[in-house]
Amino acid sequence: MNYKGYEASIHFDEEDKIFWGEITNLGSKSMILFHSENANELENEFHISVDAYIETCEKTGSTPKKPFSGKMMIRTTPSIHAKAVASAKTQGISVNKLVEQAIVERIEAH
């Protein structure tokens, strides 16, 4: 689910027979959860939770954490940049895809 740039993953608790979700693109120190016994109402609960989070931040004078956009700017040397472009071209992919694959490989190696 996606609302105002915030993304949520959905789960089902078999013991309590409820659907629950959590916002997944705020970072590890932020946790916003929501739940419903009815799958049809779960999206509404998600919207309510996001709106309440934003409203609470406004009331307390804090800035709501912006969800991760998926856009990153990286800095590297001209030599590495040139090698990345050449490698991507050889593989028939974009430089963005090459960098994404390299990041995923590195993350999964740990």
N, C-alpha and C. Protein backbone atom coordinates (compact mmCIF):
# COMPACT_ATOMS: atom_id res chain seq x y z
N MET A 1 0.84 -1.18 0.00
CA MET A 1 0.00 0.00 0.00
C MET A 1 0.88 1.24 0.00
N ASN A 2 0.38 2.29 -0.62
CA ASN A 2 1.12 3.54 -0.70
C ASN A 2 0.16 4.69 -0.47
N TYR A 3 0.56 5.64 0.38
CA TYR A 3 -0.27 6.81 0.67
C TYR A 3 0.65 7.97 1.04
N LYS A 4 0.52 9.07 0.31
CA LYS A 4 1.33 10.26 0.55
C LYS A 4 2.83 9.95 0.55
N GLY A 5 3.23 8.97 -0.24
CA GLY A 5 4.64 8.60 -0.32
C GLY A 5 5.07 7.58 0.72
N TYR A 6 4.22 7.29 1.68
CA TYR A 6 4.54 6.29 2.71
C TYR A 6 4.09 4.92 2.21
N GLU A 7 4.94 3.92 2.39
CA GLU A 7 4.63 2.57 1.95
C GLU A 7 4.44 1.67 3.17
N ALA A 8 3.56 0.70 3.03
CA ALA A 8 3.28 -0.20 4.14
C ALA A 8 3.34 -1.65 3.68
N SER A 9 3.79 -2.50 4.58
CA SER A 9 3.71 -3.94 4.35
C SER A 9 2.56 -4.46 5.21
N ILE A 10 1.89 -5.47 4.71
CA ILE A 10 0.69 -6.00 5.36
C ILE A 10 0.96 -7.42 5.83
N HIS A 11 0.42 -7.73 7.01
CA HIS A 11 0.60 -9.06 7.61
C HIS A 11 -0.75 -9.53 8.16
N PHE A 12 -0.85 -10.82 8.42
CA PHE A 12 -2.04 -11.38 9.05
C PHE A 12 -1.63 -12.15 10.29
N ASP A 13 -2.25 -11.81 11.40
CA ASP A 13 -1.99 -12.50 12.67
C ASP A 13 -3.05 -13.58 12.83
N GLU A 14 -2.64 -14.83 12.64
CA GLU A 14 -3.59 -15.94 12.70
C GLU A 14 -4.21 -16.12 14.08
N GLU A 15 -3.41 -15.88 15.11
CA GLU A 15 -3.90 -16.07 16.47
C GLU A 15 -4.99 -15.06 16.82
N ASP A 16 -4.73 -13.79 16.52
CA ASP A 16 -5.70 -12.73 16.85
C ASP A 16 -6.70 -12.48 15.73
N LYS A 17 -6.48 -13.11 14.59
CA LYS A 17 -7.36 -12.96 13.42
C LYS A 17 -7.51 -11.49 13.01
N ILE A 18 -6.38 -10.81 12.92
CA ILE A 18 -6.40 -9.42 12.45
C ILE A 18 -5.34 -9.22 11.37
N PHE A 19 -5.62 -8.27 10.53
CA PHE A 19 -4.63 -7.80 9.57
C PHE A 19 -3.92 -6.63 10.22
N TRP A 20 -2.62 -6.55 10.02
CA TRP A 20 -1.89 -5.41 10.55
C TRP A 20 -0.82 -5.00 9.55
N GLY A 21 -0.44 -3.77 9.66
CA GLY A 21 0.56 -3.26 8.74
C GLY A 21 1.53 -2.34 9.44
N GLU A 22 2.63 -2.09 8.76
CA GLU A 22 3.62 -1.16 9.27
C GLU A 22 4.19 -0.36 8.11
N ILE A 23 4.50 0.88 8.38
CA ILE A 23 5.12 1.72 7.37
C ILE A 23 6.57 1.32 7.27
N THR A 24 7.01 1.05 6.06
CA THR A 24 8.32 0.42 5.87
C THR A 24 9.41 1.34 5.33
N ASN A 25 9.06 2.54 4.93
CA ASN A 25 10.08 3.38 4.30
C ASN A 25 10.40 4.65 5.09
N LEU A 26 10.48 4.51 6.42
CA LEU A 26 10.83 5.64 7.28
C LEU A 26 12.17 5.47 7.98
N GLY A 27 12.76 4.32 7.89
CA GLY A 27 14.00 4.08 8.62
C GLY A 27 13.73 3.20 9.82
N SER A 28 14.80 2.69 10.39
CA SER A 28 14.67 1.68 11.44
C SER A 28 14.23 2.24 12.78
N LYS A 29 14.36 3.53 13.02
CA LYS A 29 14.01 4.08 14.33
C LYS A 29 12.57 4.56 14.41
N SER A 30 11.84 4.53 13.32
CA SER A 30 10.45 4.96 13.30
C SER A 30 9.56 3.75 13.09
N MET A 31 8.49 3.69 13.87
CA MET A 31 7.57 2.59 13.72
C MET A 31 6.14 3.12 13.78
N ILE A 32 5.43 2.97 12.70
CA ILE A 32 4.02 3.33 12.66
C ILE A 32 3.27 2.07 12.25
N LEU A 33 2.40 1.62 13.14
CA LEU A 33 1.64 0.40 12.93
C LEU A 33 0.15 0.72 12.83
N PHE A 34 -0.60 -0.16 12.21
CA PHE A 34 -2.05 -0.02 12.12
C PHE A 34 -2.63 -1.42 11.97
N HIS A 35 -3.92 -1.57 12.28
CA HIS A 35 -4.53 -2.89 12.17
C HIS A 35 -6.03 -2.78 11.93
N SER A 36 -6.61 -3.89 11.53
CA SER A 36 -8.05 -3.99 11.33
C SER A 36 -8.43 -5.46 11.28
N GLU A 37 -9.63 -5.75 11.75
CA GLU A 37 -10.14 -7.11 11.64
C GLU A 37 -10.67 -7.37 10.23
N ASN A 38 -10.86 -6.30 9.48
CA ASN A 38 -11.46 -6.38 8.16
C ASN A 38 -10.47 -5.91 7.11
N ALA A 39 -10.19 -6.75 6.15
CA ALA A 39 -9.23 -6.38 5.10
C ALA A 39 -9.67 -5.15 4.33
N ASN A 40 -10.97 -4.97 4.18
CA ASN A 40 -11.48 -3.80 3.45
C ASN A 40 -11.21 -2.50 4.19
N GLU A 41 -11.11 -2.54 5.50
CA GLU A 41 -10.88 -1.33 6.30
C GLU A 41 -9.40 -1.06 6.54
N LEU A 42 -8.55 -2.00 6.19
CA LEU A 42 -7.12 -1.86 6.49
C LEU A 42 -6.51 -0.65 5.81
N GLU A 43 -6.88 -0.41 4.57
CA GLU A 43 -6.33 0.75 3.85
C GLU A 43 -6.74 2.05 4.53
N ASN A 44 -7.97 2.13 4.99
CA ASN A 44 -8.44 3.32 5.71
C ASN A 44 -7.64 3.52 6.99
N GLU A 45 -7.36 2.45 7.71
CA GLU A 45 -6.56 2.54 8.94
C GLU A 45 -5.14 3.02 8.63
N PHE A 46 -4.60 2.58 7.51
CA PHE A 46 -3.29 3.04 7.07
C PHE A 46 -3.31 4.54 6.84
N HIS A 47 -4.31 5.03 6.13
CA HIS A 47 -4.43 6.47 5.87
C HIS A 47 -4.57 7.25 7.17
N ILE A 48 -5.39 6.75 8.07
CA ILE A 48 -5.58 7.42 9.37
C ILE A 48 -4.26 7.49 10.12
N SER A 49 -3.49 6.42 10.10
CA SER A 49 -2.20 6.39 10.82
C SER A 49 -1.21 7.38 10.23
N VAL A 50 -1.12 7.45 8.91
CA VAL A 50 -0.21 8.40 8.27
C VAL A 50 -0.64 9.82 8.60
N ASP A 51 -1.93 10.11 8.46
CA ASP A 51 -2.43 11.45 8.74
C ASP A 51 -2.21 11.84 10.20
N ALA A 52 -2.41 10.89 11.11
CA ALA A 52 -2.19 11.16 12.54
C ALA A 52 -0.71 11.43 12.82
N TYR A 53 0.17 10.69 12.18
CA TYR A 53 1.61 10.91 12.33
C TYR A 53 1.98 12.32 11.89
N ILE A 54 1.51 12.71 10.72
CA ILE A 54 1.82 14.04 10.20
C ILE A 54 1.24 15.12 11.11
N GLU A 55 0.01 14.93 11.56
CA GLU A 55 -0.64 15.90 12.45
C GLU A 55 0.09 16.02 13.79
N THR A 56 0.52 14.90 14.34
CA THR A 56 1.27 14.91 15.61
C THR A 56 2.58 15.67 15.45
N CYS A 57 3.25 15.45 14.35
CA CYS A 57 4.50 16.17 14.09
C CYS A 57 4.25 17.67 14.02
N GLU A 58 3.18 18.06 13.34
CA GLU A 58 2.85 19.48 13.22
C GLU A 58 2.54 20.08 14.59
N LYS A 59 1.80 19.36 15.42
CA LYS A 59 1.43 19.85 16.75
C LYS A 59 2.64 20.00 17.67
N THR A 60 3.60 19.11 17.52
CA THR A 60 4.78 19.14 18.39
C THR A 60 5.91 19.98 17.80
N GLY A 61 5.69 20.51 16.61
CA GLY A 61 6.70 21.35 15.99
C GLY A 61 7.86 20.58 15.38
N SER A 62 7.69 19.28 15.23
CA SER A 62 8.75 18.49 14.60
C SER A 62 8.42 18.26 13.13
N THR A 63 9.42 17.96 12.37
CA THR A 63 9.24 17.72 10.95
C THR A 63 9.01 16.23 10.73
N PRO A 64 7.92 15.87 10.04
CA PRO A 64 7.71 14.44 9.76
C PRO A 64 8.86 13.89 8.93
N LYS A 65 9.27 12.69 9.26
CA LYS A 65 10.31 12.05 8.45
C LYS A 65 9.76 11.80 7.06
N LYS A 66 10.53 12.19 6.09
CA LYS A 66 10.11 11.94 4.71
C LYS A 66 10.39 10.48 4.38
N PRO A 67 9.44 9.85 3.69
CA PRO A 67 9.69 8.46 3.30
C PRO A 67 10.84 8.38 2.31
N PHE A 68 11.53 7.27 2.34
CA PHE A 68 12.59 7.05 1.36
C PHE A 68 11.98 7.09 -0.03
N SER A 69 12.60 7.82 -0.93
CA SER A 69 12.05 7.98 -2.27
C SER A 69 12.58 6.94 -3.25
N GLY A 70 13.70 6.33 -2.90
CA GLY A 70 14.34 5.42 -3.84
C GLY A 70 15.37 6.13 -4.71
N LYS A 71 15.48 7.43 -4.52
CA LYS A 71 16.46 8.20 -5.28
C LYS A 71 17.66 8.49 -4.40
N MET A 72 18.84 8.23 -4.93
CA MET A 72 20.09 8.48 -4.20
C MET A 72 21.07 9.14 -5.15
N MET A 73 21.85 10.04 -4.61
CA MET A 73 22.93 10.63 -5.40
C MET A 73 24.23 10.10 -4.83
N ILE A 74 25.07 9.59 -5.69
CA ILE A 74 26.36 9.08 -5.21
C ILE A 74 27.48 9.89 -5.82
N ARG A 75 28.58 9.94 -5.12
CA ARG A 75 29.77 10.62 -5.63
C ARG A 75 30.87 9.58 -5.77
N THR A 76 31.58 9.68 -6.87
CA THR A 76 32.68 8.77 -7.13
C THR A 76 33.73 9.49 -7.98
N THR A 77 34.79 8.81 -8.28
CA THR A 77 35.83 9.43 -9.10
C THR A 77 35.42 9.38 -10.57
N PRO A 78 35.96 10.26 -11.39
CA PRO A 78 35.66 10.20 -12.82
C PRO A 78 36.03 8.85 -13.44
N SER A 79 37.09 8.24 -12.96
CA SER A 79 37.52 6.95 -13.49
C SER A 79 36.49 5.86 -13.21
N ILE A 80 36.00 5.80 -11.98
CA ILE A 80 34.99 4.79 -11.64
C ILE A 80 33.70 5.08 -12.40
N HIS A 81 33.34 6.35 -12.52
CA HIS A 81 32.15 6.73 -13.27
C HIS A 81 32.24 6.21 -14.71
N ALA A 82 33.39 6.44 -15.35
CA ALA A 82 33.59 5.99 -16.73
C ALA A 82 33.51 4.46 -16.83
N LYS A 83 34.12 3.77 -15.85
CA LYS A 83 34.08 2.30 -15.86
C LYS A 83 32.65 1.80 -15.66
N ALA A 84 31.88 2.49 -14.82
CA ALA A 84 30.49 2.09 -14.60
C ALA A 84 29.67 2.25 -15.87
N VAL A 85 29.86 3.36 -16.57
CA VAL A 85 29.15 3.58 -17.83
C VAL A 85 29.51 2.51 -18.85
N ALA A 86 30.79 2.21 -18.97
CA ALA A 86 31.24 1.19 -19.92
C ALA A 86 30.69 -0.19 -19.56
N SER A 87 30.72 -0.53 -18.28
CA SER A 87 30.21 -1.83 -17.84
C SER A 87 28.71 -1.94 -18.09
N ALA A 88 27.98 -0.89 -17.77
CA ALA A 88 26.53 -0.91 -17.99
C ALA A 88 26.21 -1.07 -19.47
N LYS A 89 26.94 -0.35 -20.31
CA LYS A 89 26.72 -0.43 -21.75
C LYS A 89 26.98 -1.85 -22.26
N THR A 90 28.06 -2.46 -21.79
CA THR A 90 28.40 -3.83 -22.19
C THR A 90 27.30 -4.81 -21.79
N GLN A 91 26.71 -4.57 -20.61
CA GLN A 91 25.67 -5.47 -20.10
C GLN A 91 24.28 -5.14 -20.65
N GLY A 92 24.17 -4.01 -21.34
CA GLY A 92 22.88 -3.62 -21.90
C GLY A 92 21.90 -3.12 -20.85
N ILE A 93 22.44 -2.52 -19.79
CA ILE A 93 21.59 -1.98 -18.72
C ILE A 93 21.99 -0.53 -18.46
N SER A 94 21.17 0.16 -17.70
CA SER A 94 21.48 1.54 -17.35
C SER A 94 22.50 1.57 -16.21
N VAL A 95 23.14 2.70 -16.04
CA VAL A 95 24.07 2.86 -14.92
C VAL A 95 23.30 2.73 -13.60
N ASN A 96 22.08 3.27 -13.55
CA ASN A 96 21.28 3.13 -12.34
C ASN A 96 21.06 1.66 -11.99
N LYS A 97 20.74 0.86 -12.99
CA LYS A 97 20.52 -0.57 -12.75
C LYS A 97 21.81 -1.25 -12.29
N LEU A 98 22.92 -0.87 -12.88
CA LEU A 98 24.22 -1.43 -12.49
C LEU A 98 24.51 -1.12 -11.02
N VAL A 99 24.30 0.12 -10.63
CA VAL A 99 24.56 0.53 -9.24
C VAL A 99 23.59 -0.18 -8.30
N GLU A 100 22.32 -0.27 -8.69
CA GLU A 100 21.34 -0.97 -7.86
C GLU A 100 21.75 -2.42 -7.65
N GLN A 101 22.15 -3.10 -8.72
CA GLN A 101 22.57 -4.49 -8.61
C GLN A 101 23.79 -4.63 -7.70
N ALA A 102 24.73 -3.70 -7.80
CA ALA A 102 25.92 -3.75 -6.95
C ALA A 102 25.55 -3.56 -5.49
N ILE A 103 24.62 -2.65 -5.22
CA ILE A 103 24.19 -2.42 -3.83
C ILE A 103 23.49 -3.66 -3.29
N VAL A 104 22.59 -4.23 -4.07
CA VAL A 104 21.87 -5.43 -3.63
C VAL A 104 22.83 -6.58 -3.36
N GLU A 105 23.79 -6.79 -4.26
CA GLU A 105 24.78 -7.86 -4.05
C GLU A 105 25.55 -7.64 -2.76
N ARG A 106 25.94 -6.42 -2.49
CA ARG A 106 26.70 -6.11 -1.27
C ARG A 106 25.85 -6.31 -0.02
N ILE A 107 24.61 -5.88 -0.07
CA ILE A 107 23.71 -6.04 1.08
C ILE A 107 23.46 -7.52 1.36
N GLU A 108 23.19 -8.28 0.31
CA GLU A 108 22.89 -9.70 0.48
C GLU A 108 24.10 -10.50 0.92
N ALA A 109 25.30 -9.99 0.68
CA ALA A 109 26.52 -10.68 1.11
C ALA A 109 26.72 -10.59 2.62
N HIS A 110 26.03 -9.69 3.26
CA HIS A 110 26.19 -9.52 4.72
C HIS A 110 25.05 -10.12 5.43
